Structures are given as structure tokens and as C-alpha cells.
């Protein structure tokens, strides 16, 4: 794993490569603030060299300039921030630019000279970019290549500044949670199934000092978790429900986290016809909430957090649940199954019912739930639904953390679309219109009146089909930063 340290910007920078930032302006490429010492060490020719190789400063552009003996550092790496000001740097632009640079480098030692060296917020963004962009998933590679950068030094005004050191510590904790989520999403379903996933959650949770409870199929039956049992009934690997609880002294509020843990989604008897190879990522919400509650404990946030995580494999066999089946949920209510590929909301409903028995102050649920999210918002923007004020609060926290979220409505008039002739509710309608919103309305059915809650649909953002910014192809660790930011906001401001 790449190590990150702070060094004084007044000392000569020495490394295998130095990363600086560029900006796209109407007049062409420009050097962003922080690059001046590097330019001076090269005799003021860095900008001319960048223009000579037609650098533009656009986002995701990485240009390597050899110093040809003019500096003790053999390579300068210029990474584009996109259109903007050379002096005012947006943290997420910096995060993505540094991540792109780290994706283009391997091995050795790197120094980063970007922005105002006294800005702790920028320090955190740079560290995030380093640790997210340097991520590699090599577990199944016989000869891993390229290797992670060994060490990165961030140039700051005062390497002993408490604010910068705290920012670096927070970055390491949060990016570890993101990268662990990526590892889980990238792990194939022949290794990560409900049983092994639950074992991972227990091991990691107990190591972080959390209390952990794992319900097996017998306990699920005793507890009346008909949604989880119904979805998981077709798999040779039985379902699980995991509970991880962080209960600090003097907690200001309590938060329930729920995450969808479908370790593989074939669609069930309504077999998928496309994108099935990506369905190992259908547990991204579960991974995110597991890692988020562990991060909350490491950050020692004064807020009580319990993650309730349903895990199942939606498989095809003689014991698979069927279209037209009626499932009895934990609270005794019934659901008609119209389509077995709308399975996530069924296991989430059971988990939400269990979580609400603890009377939390807030509920945050996240899931790779609908193709409708992709249609409406694309591959990078999370759809946020729930109680209006809390939804907007979580959107603001996530936006501040650098993730893209968009608030969506839950129109009450759509509820009648989920009426069933044989049960209390049907899991999905026959048409595709407003499918993202209808999934949110289905989940709302299992939230007590008056509880502040939000549903975060990460169907697109959870898995990248191509590399960009700090993301490699594969699991992105989406929504972890948002959840941790929301927990931090609640810890600081309560209800």
C-alpha cells in the first residue's frame, strides 16, 4: 500500500517524480498554484515544455516531462485540473487530477506540489487522490503489474501543523474504507458469497472493536425474514443478515445504516439478458456500509451507528422463488413478487424493518437498486430519495466530500402503482416508467412515519467500466465518502 507523508515545501523536493497541476484557460495551458518552485528549479522552462508537447490542462490529462538532468528529480508529471482558475483549486478537481497522475505512475517515490501548502482541506484532497488513484486490485494476478507507488510526499508549509496532520489521518481512514469496498466489489462471486461475506464482516468488525451479530438461515427463519429467505432460497449458499454496531460513550444521535448485499444477481427465474458479468457488484451497498461503520469507529465519531446488512445470492435452481410468489416480511406484511430480478428491495425491506426496531434517529440505506438510476442520472451521479430535509442534508454532505448526488422526489401518487390484487404490495410494476422512484416508494413503505431517512441508489456509480480520475476499471467504492461525511455532520450537529 502506498504510504503518504507531509514534507516542508521550503525544502528542496527530491523524488523519482514530482506531480504538479495544470489548468485549461482561454489563453491555453497554465501552471496551477504550487508549481512555482518546481518551475524555478528547471530554470522557468516548465510551461514552455508543456506547450511544446501540446498539453491543454484538461481534466484527466497526464503529461510526463523528463528533466534531462536539469533537476535531481528525473520526471515532472503535469496533471490536468480542467477549466478554472490557476489560483483557486476545487478539492474534487484536485482529488481526480492527483488520482489520474497516480494511475499513470508505478513504483518508487513521488512528491506532490499542488495548491496552497497551508490549506488542510487541500491536503486531504491530495492525499485522497494519491490513495484512491494508487489503488490496484491484484489479488488474482500471477505477476502483478504495474506496482503501486511506494511513497508519496505532500509539500506543505508546516509538516507539523495539527490541521494538516488531522486531514491526512482522516484521509487515510476514509480511503482505506473506500479501497476495502473496492476490493469486495472486485472479488468474484465464487469467492465472495453470503457466508464468506458475513465472515469478512465479522472479522473486520470485531477487529475494529464493533459488536457483531450474524444470523444464519435458521435464525432468519425464526426471525421471520421472508424477503431475505425468499431471494436467497435458490442458491446453494444460504443467506445471512449481519449486524455491526458502534456504540461510543456520549453519542449525540443514533444512525441505522442499511446496504444491499446481493453477492451475485442472475436475475433469478427472470434471468438477466445483459450486464450479468457486472453483477458481482450487486453487493456494493453492503460493502459500503460495512466499511463506513468501521471508519466511523476509527474516526471515533460521537454518534452511535449500527449497520444492518442483508446478504443473499439471487440464483436459479429448483428452489428459486418465482414470479407470483407471496413473501411474508419480518413485520408480517406480504409482498407479491412480480419479477425476481427486483430482489434487492425485498432483502432491504426486511433489513430496514429490523433496523427500525432499534428506534434510530436517522436511517441511511444504499444499494445498486435500479437500472432507472442509470437512465436518469448516468454512471457517476447517485439518486437520493427520502425525507426531504434529511435527503438534502446527506446530498450536501456527499457533495462536500466530492461525490455527485442528486435529490429526487417520491411522489405519493405513484404509490398506487404498487398495489397488488393478492398481497399488501407488489415488488415492481409491469412498465419501466419512474422505476427508480417506485423502488424508493417501495422502500418507504418500510420506514416508520417521522423517521429521517434517505435511500441512495448507486447502481451506476458503484462500478466503473473504464478508468478515469482516481478510479480504475471495476469497483469504485462509491458512497463511502458520502456516508462518512453524513455521519460526521450528524456527530457534529446532531439532529
Protein backbone atom coordinates (compact mmCIF):
# COMPACT_ATOMS: atom_id res chain seq x y z
CA UNK A 1 0.00 0.00 0.00
CA UNK A 2 1.23 3.50 -0.82
CA UNK A 3 2.44 5.48 2.20
CA UNK A 4 1.71 9.21 2.36
CA UNK A 5 3.68 11.78 4.35
CA UNK A 6 3.89 15.55 4.76
CA UNK A 7 7.13 17.38 3.95
CA UNK A 8 8.10 21.04 4.15
CA UNK A 9 7.61 22.96 0.92
CA UNK A 10 10.66 25.09 1.78
CA UNK A 11 12.96 22.07 1.49
CA UNK A 12 14.20 21.02 -1.98
CA UNK A 13 11.85 18.43 -3.46
CA UNK A 14 13.56 15.19 -4.35
CA UNK A 15 11.79 12.12 -5.68
CA UNK A 16 11.52 9.81 -8.66
CA UNK A 17 8.75 12.09 -9.95
CA UNK A 18 7.15 15.38 -8.92
CA UNK A 19 3.46 15.96 -9.61
CA UNK A 20 2.25 19.47 -10.44
CA UNK A 21 -1.14 20.62 -11.67
CA UNK A 22 -2.18 22.42 -14.85
CA UNK A 23 -5.32 24.36 -15.72
CA UNK A 24 -7.11 24.88 -19.03
CA UNK A 25 -7.59 28.63 -19.64
CA UNK A 26 -8.79 30.64 -22.68
CA UNK A 27 -5.14 31.50 -23.29
CA UNK A 28 -4.06 27.86 -23.17
CA UNK A 29 -2.47 25.66 -20.53
CA UNK A 30 -1.33 27.32 -17.30
CA UNK A 31 0.51 26.09 -14.22
CA UNK A 32 -1.65 25.87 -11.10
CA UNK A 33 -0.50 27.37 -7.84
CA UNK A 34 2.14 25.30 -6.09
CA UNK A 35 4.19 24.59 -9.21
CA UNK A 36 6.44 27.67 -9.00
CA UNK A 37 9.30 26.05 -7.01
CA UNK A 38 9.40 23.18 -9.48
CA UNK A 39 9.40 25.57 -12.43
CA UNK A 40 12.18 27.66 -10.86
CA UNK A 41 14.31 24.55 -10.31
CA UNK A 42 14.04 23.91 -14.06
CA UNK A 43 15.05 27.45 -14.95
CA UNK A 44 11.49 28.61 -15.73
CA UNK A 45 11.01 26.37 -18.78
CA UNK A 46 8.28 24.03 -17.49
CA UNK A 47 5.34 25.87 -19.04
CA UNK A 48 7.14 26.17 -22.37
CA UNK A 49 7.88 22.44 -22.30
CA UNK A 50 4.21 21.67 -21.64
CA UNK A 51 3.11 23.88 -24.50
CA UNK A 52 5.67 22.22 -26.78
CA UNK A 53 4.02 18.85 -26.23
CA UNK A 54 0.54 20.43 -26.71
CA UNK A 55 -0.63 19.99 -23.11
CA UNK A 56 -4.06 21.52 -22.55
CA UNK A 57 -4.69 21.27 -18.79
CA UNK A 58 -7.97 19.44 -19.38
CA UNK A 59 -9.29 17.08 -16.74
CA UNK A 60 -7.75 13.59 -16.82
CA UNK A 61 -4.80 14.75 -18.92
CA UNK A 62 -1.45 13.50 -17.61
CA UNK A 63 1.74 14.71 -19.31
CA UNK A 64 5.21 13.49 -18.36
CA UNK A 65 8.18 15.84 -18.88
CA UNK A 66 11.71 14.43 -18.40
CA UNK A 67 14.04 16.94 -16.74
CA UNK A 68 17.11 15.82 -18.74
CA UNK A 69 19.49 16.46 -15.87
CA UNK A 70 18.20 19.95 -15.03
CA UNK A 71 16.87 18.62 -11.71
CA UNK A 72 17.68 15.90 -9.22
CA UNK A 73 14.19 14.58 -9.98
CA UNK A 74 14.16 12.87 -13.38
CA UNK A 75 10.47 13.33 -14.18
CA UNK A 76 7.81 16.02 -13.84
CA UNK A 77 4.21 14.85 -14.10
CA UNK A 78 1.67 17.53 -15.02
CA UNK A 79 -1.91 16.54 -14.28
CA UNK A 80 -4.89 18.49 -15.59
CA UNK A 81 -7.49 20.10 -13.33
CA UNK A 82 -9.73 21.14 -16.21
CA UNK A 83 -11.18 24.59 -16.83
CA UNK A 84 -10.82 27.01 -13.95
CA UNK A 85 -8.56 29.33 -12.05
CA UNK A 86 -4.88 28.60 -11.56
CA UNK A 87 -5.12 30.01 -8.02
CA UNK A 88 -8.48 28.72 -6.73
CA UNK A 89 -8.47 24.94 -6.73
CA UNK A 90 -11.59 22.83 -6.16
CA UNK A 91 -10.86 19.85 -3.87
CA UNK A 92 -12.62 17.29 -6.06
CA UNK A 93 -10.79 18.51 -9.18
CA UNK A 94 -7.52 18.14 -7.27
CA UNK A 95 -8.57 14.72 -6.00
CA UNK A 96 -9.32 13.50 -9.51
CA UNK A 97 -6.20 15.09 -11.04
CA UNK A 98 -3.86 13.59 -8.45
CA UNK A 99 -5.63 10.25 -8.86
CA UNK A 100 -5.10 10.35 -12.61
CA UNK A 101 -1.39 11.06 -12.07
CA UNK A 102 -1.05 8.14 -9.65
CA UNK A 103 -2.77 5.82 -12.13
CA UNK A 104 -0.06 6.77 -14.63
CA UNK A 105 2.82 6.04 -12.24
CA UNK A 106 4.17 2.89 -10.65
CA UNK A 107 6.74 2.09 -8.02
CA UNK A 108 9.26 4.48 -6.50
CA UNK A 109 8.77 7.72 -4.61
CA UNK A 110 6.66 10.68 -5.69
CA UNK A 111 6.33 14.26 -4.43
CA UNK A 112 3.21 16.39 -4.94
CA UNK A 113 3.44 20.19 -5.24
CA UNK A 114 -0.10 21.43 -5.78
CA UNK A 115 -2.01 24.38 -4.32
CA UNK A 116 -1.73 26.38 -1.14
CA UNK A 117 0.56 24.37 1.10
CA UNK A 118 -1.19 25.66 4.25
CA UNK A 119 -4.71 24.51 3.28
CA UNK A 120 -5.60 21.37 5.28
CA UNK A 121 -8.64 20.77 3.07
CA UNK A 122 -6.40 20.62 0.04
CA UNK A 123 -4.00 18.33 1.89
CA UNK A 124 -6.90 15.91 2.45
CA UNK A 125 -7.94 16.10 -1.22
CA UNK A 126 -4.36 15.45 -2.41
CA UNK A 127 -3.98 12.50 -0.03
CA UNK A 128 -7.35 11.13 -1.17
CA UNK A 129 -6.24 11.38 -4.79
CA UNK A 130 -2.99 9.60 -4.02
CA UNK A 131 -4.54 6.74 -2.07
CA UNK A 132 -7.52 6.28 -4.41
CA UNK A 133 -5.56 6.73 -7.64
CA UNK A 134 -2.77 4.44 -6.48
CA UNK A 135 -5.21 1.60 -5.81
CA UNK A 136 -4.58 -1.70 -7.60
CA UNK A 137 -6.60 -4.91 -7.39
CA UNK A 138 -4.01 -7.62 -7.95
CA UNK A 139 -5.26 -10.50 -5.79
CA UNK A 140 -5.72 -12.84 -8.75
CA UNK A 141 -2.72 -11.70 -10.81
CA UNK A 142 0.17 -14.16 -11.11
CA UNK A 143 2.58 -11.30 -11.80
CA UNK A 144 1.04 -8.03 -10.54
CA UNK A 145 1.83 -5.06 -12.76
CA UNK A 146 2.12 -2.14 -12.52
CA UNK A 147 3.08 -1.88 -8.87
CA UNK A 148 1.66 0.76 -6.54
CA UNK A 149 3.76 3.85 -5.96
CA UNK A 150 5.75 3.09 -2.82
CA UNK A 151 5.70 6.52 -1.15
CA UNK A 152 4.22 9.96 -1.75
CA UNK A 153 5.32 13.18 -0.03
CA UNK A 154 2.90 16.14 0.00
CA UNK A 155 4.62 19.53 0.15
CA UNK A 156 3.07 21.74 2.86
CA UNK A 157 4.10 24.95 4.62
CA UNK A 158 4.40 23.26 8.01
CA UNK A 159 4.65 19.47 8.14
CA UNK A 160 3.90 19.53 11.87
CA UNK A 161 0.70 21.58 11.54
CA UNK A 162 -2.07 19.90 13.54
CA UNK A 163 -4.76 20.66 10.94
CA UNK A 164 -2.77 19.14 8.09
CA UNK A 165 -1.87 16.08 10.15
CA UNK A 166 -5.52 15.55 11.14
CA UNK A 167 -6.56 15.92 7.49
CA UNK A 168 -4.00 13.31 6.48
CA UNK A 169 -5.19 10.91 9.19
CA UNK A 170 -8.83 11.30 8.15
CA UNK A 171 -7.90 10.76 4.50
CA UNK A 172 -6.10 7.53 5.31
CA UNK A 173 -9.05 6.16 7.29
CA UNK A 174 -11.69 7.11 4.71
CA UNK A 175 -9.73 5.99 1.65
CA UNK A 176 -8.96 2.67 3.35
CA UNK A 177 -12.72 2.21 3.70
CA UNK A 178 -13.21 3.12 0.02
CA UNK A 179 -10.45 0.80 -1.15
CA UNK A 180 -11.68 -2.08 1.01
CA UNK A 181 -15.10 -1.58 -0.56
CA UNK A 182 -13.46 -1.71 -3.99
CA UNK A 183 -11.72 -4.97 -3.06
CA UNK A 184 -15.01 -6.53 -2.00
CA UNK A 185 -16.80 -5.41 -5.17
CA UNK A 186 -13.95 -6.66 -7.35
CA UNK A 187 -13.84 -10.08 -5.68
CA UNK A 188 -15.61 -12.70 -7.84
CA UNK A 189 -18.79 -14.31 -6.58
CA UNK A 190 -17.26 -17.80 -6.50
CA UNK A 191 -15.24 -16.50 -3.53
CA UNK A 192 -17.50 -13.81 -2.08
CA UNK A 193 -20.84 -15.35 -1.22
CA UNK A 194 -23.21 -14.64 1.69
CA UNK A 195 -21.32 -16.95 4.05
CA UNK A 196 -17.82 -15.68 3.27
CA UNK A 197 -19.04 -12.07 3.11
CA UNK A 198 -20.57 -12.43 6.57
CA UNK A 199 -17.33 -13.96 7.85
CA UNK A 200 -15.39 -10.97 6.47
CA UNK A 201 -17.78 -8.56 8.16
CA UNK A 202 -17.43 -10.37 11.47
CA UNK A 203 -13.63 -10.47 11.30
CA UNK A 204 -13.21 -6.84 10.29
CA UNK A 205 -15.93 -5.58 12.62
CA UNK A 206 -14.54 -7.33 15.68
CA UNK A 207 -11.02 -6.13 14.80
CA UNK A 208 -12.39 -2.56 14.86
CA UNK A 209 -13.99 -3.11 18.27
CA UNK A 210 -17.58 -3.37 16.99
CA UNK A 211 -20.19 -5.74 18.33
CA UNK A 212 -21.19 -8.18 15.59
CA UNK A 213 -24.21 -10.43 15.15
CA UNK A 214 -24.64 -12.85 12.25
CA UNK A 215 -28.00 -14.54 11.61
CA UNK A 216 -27.82 -17.77 9.59
CA UNK A 217 -30.70 -19.29 7.64
CA UNK A 218 -32.19 -20.93 10.73
CA UNK A 219 -32.12 -17.68 12.70
CA UNK A 220 -33.58 -15.85 9.71
CA UNK A 221 -36.47 -18.30 9.61
CA UNK A 222 -37.09 -17.91 13.34
CA UNK A 223 -36.99 -14.14 12.92
CA UNK A 224 -39.49 -14.06 10.07
CA UNK A 225 -37.17 -12.59 7.45
CA UNK A 226 -39.22 -13.81 4.49
CA UNK A 227 -37.74 -11.39 1.98
CA UNK A 228 -34.14 -12.44 2.61
CA UNK A 229 -35.05 -16.13 2.71
CA UNK A 230 -37.14 -15.90 -0.44
CA UNK A 231 -34.42 -14.22 -2.51
CA UNK A 232 -31.66 -16.45 -1.13
CA UNK A 233 -33.60 -19.70 -1.42
CA UNK A 234 -32.38 -20.58 -4.91
CA UNK A 235 -28.67 -20.55 -4.04
CA UNK A 236 -26.53 -23.41 -2.79
CA UNK A 237 -25.05 -20.83 -0.38
CA UNK A 238 -27.63 -19.76 2.20
CA UNK A 239 -28.37 -16.11 3.05
CA UNK A 240 -27.17 -14.14 6.05
CA UNK A 241 -28.06 -10.99 7.97
CA UNK A 242 -25.13 -9.18 9.59
CA UNK A 243 -25.38 -6.51 12.28
CA UNK A 244 -22.34 -4.39 13.18
CA UNK A 245 -22.73 -1.87 15.98
CA UNK A 246 -20.53 1.03 17.07
CA UNK A 247 -21.75 2.50 20.38
CA UNK A 248 -19.45 5.25 21.67
CA UNK A 249 -19.93 6.93 25.02
CA UNK A 250 -21.86 10.21 24.92
CA UNK A 251 -23.23 9.60 21.42
CA UNK A 252 -25.23 12.59 20.19
CA UNK A 253 -27.51 10.61 17.87
CA UNK A 254 -28.08 7.12 16.52
CA UNK A 255 -27.91 6.17 12.84
CA UNK A 256 -29.04 2.98 11.12
CA UNK A 257 -27.09 2.04 8.01
CA UNK A 258 -28.56 -0.47 5.55
CA UNK A 259 -26.78 -1.84 2.47
CA UNK A 260 -27.88 -4.27 -0.23
CA UNK A 261 -25.73 -7.39 -0.20
CA UNK A 262 -26.63 -9.45 -3.28
CA UNK A 263 -23.31 -11.21 -3.84
CA UNK A 264 -24.39 -12.18 -7.35
CA UNK A 265 -27.56 -11.37 -9.21
CA UNK A 266 -28.51 -13.68 -12.04
CA UNK A 267 -31.98 -12.14 -12.05
CA UNK A 268 -33.40 -15.37 -10.67
CA UNK A 269 -36.05 -17.05 -12.81
CA UNK A 270 -36.48 -13.69 -14.58
CA UNK A 271 -32.98 -14.27 -15.89
CA UNK A 272 -30.94 -11.24 -16.87
CA UNK A 273 -30.17 -10.82 -20.56
CA UNK A 274 -27.41 -8.20 -20.27
CA UNK A 275 -24.59 -6.98 -17.99
CA UNK A 276 -24.60 -10.18 -15.92
CA UNK A 277 -20.80 -10.23 -15.57
CA UNK A 278 -21.02 -6.99 -13.60
CA UNK A 279 -23.49 -8.47 -11.13
CA UNK A 280 -20.75 -9.42 -8.68
CA UNK A 281 -21.01 -5.69 -7.85
CA UNK A 282 -24.60 -6.00 -6.61
CA UNK A 283 -23.28 -6.08 -3.03
CA UNK A 284 -21.61 -2.66 -3.30
CA UNK A 285 -24.09 -1.05 -0.93
CA UNK A 286 -23.44 -3.69 1.72
CA UNK A 287 -19.69 -3.30 1.37
CA UNK A 288 -20.02 0.47 1.65
CA UNK A 289 -21.98 0.42 4.91
CA UNK A 290 -19.74 -2.23 6.49
CA UNK A 291 -16.66 -0.15 5.74
CA UNK A 292 -18.39 3.09 6.75
CA UNK A 293 -19.27 1.91 10.25
CA UNK A 294 -15.70 0.66 10.69
CA UNK A 295 -14.42 4.08 9.53
CA UNK A 296 -16.75 5.82 12.00
CA UNK A 297 -15.23 3.75 14.80
CA UNK A 298 -11.67 4.53 13.68
CA UNK A 299 -12.53 8.24 13.50
CA UNK A 300 -14.12 7.97 16.96
CA UNK A 301 -17.18 9.90 15.86
CA UNK A 302 -19.56 10.64 18.76
CA UNK A 303 -22.53 9.06 17.03
CA UNK A 304 -23.96 5.58 17.51
CA UNK A 305 -24.01 3.62 14.24
CA UNK A 306 -25.49 0.19 13.54
CA UNK A 307 -25.19 -1.38 10.10
CA UNK A 308 -27.83 -3.98 9.24
CA UNK A 309 -26.66 -5.86 6.17
CA UNK A 310 -28.76 -8.49 4.34
CA UNK A 311 -26.73 -10.88 2.19
CA UNK A 312 -28.05 -13.31 -0.41
CA UNK A 313 -27.26 -14.73 -3.84
CA UNK A 314 -30.07 -14.44 -6.38
CA UNK A 315 -29.56 -17.73 -8.18
CA UNK A 316 -31.53 -20.13 -10.38
CA UNK A 317 -32.48 -23.60 -9.16
CA UNK A 318 -35.46 -25.77 -8.30
CA UNK A 319 -35.79 -23.88 -5.01
CA UNK A 320 -35.73 -20.38 -6.53
CA UNK A 321 -38.58 -18.07 -5.65
CA UNK A 322 -40.98 -17.45 -8.52
CA UNK A 323 -42.93 -14.62 -10.14
CA UNK A 324 -46.37 -14.60 -8.43
CA UNK A 325 -44.96 -15.90 -5.11
CA UNK A 326 -46.09 -14.04 -1.99
CA UNK A 327 -43.44 -13.43 0.66
CA UNK A 328 -44.17 -12.67 4.31
CA UNK A 329 -41.82 -9.99 5.63
CA UNK A 330 -40.44 -9.56 9.15
CA UNK A 331 -43.35 -7.37 10.24
CA UNK A 332 -45.92 -9.84 8.91
CA UNK A 333 -46.82 -7.79 5.83
CA UNK A 334 -46.93 -9.50 2.44
CA UNK A 335 -45.27 -8.80 -0.90
CA UNK A 336 -46.29 -10.22 -4.27
CA UNK A 337 -43.28 -10.99 -6.45
CA UNK A 338 -43.92 -9.75 -9.97
CA UNK A 339 -40.28 -10.02 -11.07
CA UNK A 340 -37.49 -11.96 -9.37
CA UNK A 341 -34.92 -9.50 -10.71
CA UNK A 342 -36.32 -6.83 -8.38
CA UNK A 343 -34.83 -8.74 -5.47
CA UNK A 344 -32.78 -6.06 -3.75
CA UNK A 345 -35.75 -4.19 -2.34
CA UNK A 346 -37.05 -7.42 -0.80
CA UNK A 347 -33.96 -8.10 1.29
CA UNK A 348 -33.62 -4.39 2.10
CA UNK A 349 -37.20 -4.21 3.39
CA UNK A 350 -36.51 -6.96 5.92
CA UNK A 351 -33.26 -5.28 6.99
CA UNK A 352 -34.94 -1.88 7.32
CA UNK A 353 -37.70 -3.36 9.45
CA UNK A 354 -35.11 -4.91 11.76
CA UNK A 355 -33.06 -1.70 11.93
CA UNK A 356 -36.10 0.41 12.79
CA UNK A 357 -36.86 -1.81 15.77
CA UNK A 358 -33.91 -0.03 17.44
CA UNK A 359 -35.66 3.36 17.05
CA UNK A 360 -32.73 5.15 15.36
CA UNK A 361 -32.74 8.92 14.88
CA UNK A 362 -31.72 8.58 11.23
CA UNK A 363 -31.67 5.85 8.58
CA UNK A 364 -29.30 5.77 5.60
CA UNK A 365 -29.79 2.98 3.06
CA UNK A 366 -27.72 2.45 -0.08
CA UNK A 367 -27.97 -0.06 -2.89
CA UNK A 368 -27.27 -0.84 -6.50
CA UNK A 369 -31.01 -0.91 -6.90
CA UNK A 370 -32.32 0.10 -10.33
CA UNK A 371 -31.45 0.47 -13.97
CA UNK A 372 -33.66 3.53 -13.73
CA UNK A 373 -30.87 5.32 -11.86
CA UNK A 374 -28.56 4.80 -14.82
CA UNK A 375 -31.20 6.01 -17.26
CA UNK A 376 -31.99 9.12 -15.23
CA UNK A 377 -28.59 10.12 -13.85
CA UNK A 378 -25.88 8.16 -15.64
CA UNK A 379 -22.84 6.36 -14.30
CA UNK A 380 -21.46 8.92 -11.84
CA UNK A 381 -24.41 10.57 -10.07
CA UNK A 382 -26.22 8.94 -7.15
CA UNK A 383 -30.00 9.26 -6.91
CA UNK A 384 -31.04 10.38 -3.41
CA UNK A 385 -34.61 9.87 -2.17
CA UNK A 386 -36.22 10.04 1.24
CA UNK A 387 -37.49 12.59 3.73
CA UNK A 388 -36.81 15.92 2.05
CA UNK A 389 -34.78 17.75 4.70
CA UNK A 390 -32.55 14.82 5.64
CA UNK A 391 -32.16 13.80 1.98
CA UNK A 392 -30.87 17.28 1.19
CA UNK A 393 -28.58 17.21 4.22
CA UNK A 394 -26.97 13.96 3.05
CA UNK A 395 -26.70 15.29 -0.52
CA UNK A 396 -24.89 18.37 0.81
CA UNK A 397 -22.53 16.25 2.91
CA UNK A 398 -21.75 13.97 -0.03
CA UNK A 399 -21.23 16.88 -2.40
CA UNK A 400 -18.82 18.42 0.09
CA UNK A 401 -16.94 15.11 0.19
CA UNK A 402 -16.56 15.17 -3.59
CA UNK A 403 -19.23 12.68 -4.66
CA UNK A 404 -22.02 13.50 -7.10
CA UNK A 405 -25.57 13.14 -5.76
CA UNK A 406 -28.90 14.47 -6.98
CA UNK A 407 -32.09 14.77 -4.89
CA UNK A 408 -35.09 13.01 -6.40
CA UNK A 409 -38.77 13.10 -5.33
CA UNK A 410 -41.01 10.31 -4.07
CA UNK A 411 -44.41 11.44 -5.40
CA UNK A 412 -47.18 9.97 -3.18
CA UNK A 413 -49.46 9.50 -6.19
CA UNK A 414 -47.13 6.78 -7.52
CA UNK A 415 -47.78 4.51 -4.53
CA UNK A 416 -50.93 3.10 -6.13
CA UNK A 417 -48.77 1.69 -8.94
CA UNK A 418 -47.51 -0.85 -6.39
CA UNK A 419 -50.95 -2.08 -5.36
CA UNK A 420 -51.33 -5.86 -5.57
CA UNK A 421 -54.56 -7.84 -6.02
CA UNK A 422 -53.29 -10.62 -3.76
CA UNK A 423 -50.86 -9.05 -1.26
CA UNK A 424 -50.18 -5.80 0.59
CA UNK A 425 -47.77 -4.57 -2.10
CA UNK A 426 -46.08 -5.79 -5.28
CA UNK A 427 -42.31 -5.54 -5.66
CA UNK A 428 -42.29 -3.95 -9.12
CA UNK A 429 -44.67 -2.71 -11.80
CA UNK A 430 -45.05 -4.01 -15.34
CA UNK A 431 -43.82 -0.81 -17.01
CA UNK A 432 -40.45 0.90 -16.64
CA UNK A 433 -41.61 4.47 -16.07
CA UNK A 434 -40.25 6.13 -12.91
CA UNK A 435 -38.67 2.82 -11.91
CA UNK A 436 -36.04 4.48 -9.69
CA UNK A 437 -38.70 6.45 -7.84
CA UNK A 438 -41.01 3.45 -7.48
CA UNK A 439 -38.20 1.46 -5.89
CA UNK A 440 -37.75 4.28 -3.40
CA UNK A 441 -41.50 4.33 -2.74
CA UNK A 442 -41.44 0.58 -2.13
CA UNK A 443 -38.69 1.05 0.49
CA UNK A 444 -40.55 3.99 2.07
CA UNK A 445 -43.32 1.53 2.86
CA UNK A 446 -40.98 0.02 5.49
CA UNK A 447 -39.88 3.29 7.14
CA UNK A 448 -41.84 4.47 10.21
CA UNK A 449 -43.60 7.82 9.88
CA UNK A 450 -41.47 10.66 11.19
CA UNK A 451 -38.10 8.94 10.81
CA UNK A 452 -35.50 10.96 8.89
CA UNK A 453 -34.23 8.64 6.17
CA UNK A 454 -32.55 8.55 2.78
CA UNK A 455 -32.24 5.94 0.02
CA UNK A 456 -29.11 6.26 -2.13
CA UNK A 457 -29.25 4.42 -5.47
CA UNK A 458 -25.67 3.71 -6.61
CA UNK A 459 -26.41 1.33 -9.48
CA UNK A 460 -24.21 3.24 -11.93
CA UNK A 461 -21.57 4.86 -9.69
CA UNK A 462 -20.62 1.63 -7.88
CA UNK A 463 -18.81 0.08 -10.85
CA UNK A 464 -16.67 1.81 -13.48
CA UNK A 465 -16.41 0.27 -16.94
CA UNK A 466 -13.38 2.45 -17.77
CA UNK A 467 -10.68 4.25 -15.81
CA UNK A 468 -10.82 7.98 -15.13
CA UNK A 469 -9.69 10.34 -12.38
CA UNK A 470 -8.88 8.28 -9.30
CA UNK A 471 -10.95 5.29 -10.45
CA UNK A 472 -9.57 2.19 -12.06
CA UNK A 473 -11.92 -0.05 -14.01
CA UNK A 474 -14.10 -2.02 -11.59
CA UNK A 475 -15.41 -1.25 -8.12
CA UNK A 476 -15.26 2.43 -7.21
CA UNK A 477 -16.12 2.40 -3.51
CA UNK A 478 -18.93 4.84 -4.30
CA UNK A 479 -20.93 6.41 -1.44
CA UNK A 480 -18.48 5.59 1.38
CA UNK A 481 -17.22 9.19 1.48
CA UNK A 482 -20.81 10.45 1.50
CA UNK A 483 -21.86 8.19 4.37
CA UNK A 484 -18.81 9.08 6.46
CA UNK A 485 -19.38 12.79 5.74
CA UNK A 486 -23.04 12.45 6.74
CA UNK A 487 -22.10 10.64 9.97
CA UNK A 488 -19.54 13.35 10.71
CA UNK A 489 -22.19 16.04 10.16
CA UNK A 490 -24.60 14.24 12.48
CA UNK A 491 -21.85 13.78 15.09
CA UNK A 492 -21.04 17.49 14.98
CA UNK A 493 -24.55 18.91 14.69
CA UNK A 494 -26.88 16.20 15.98
CA UNK A 495 -30.45 16.32 14.75
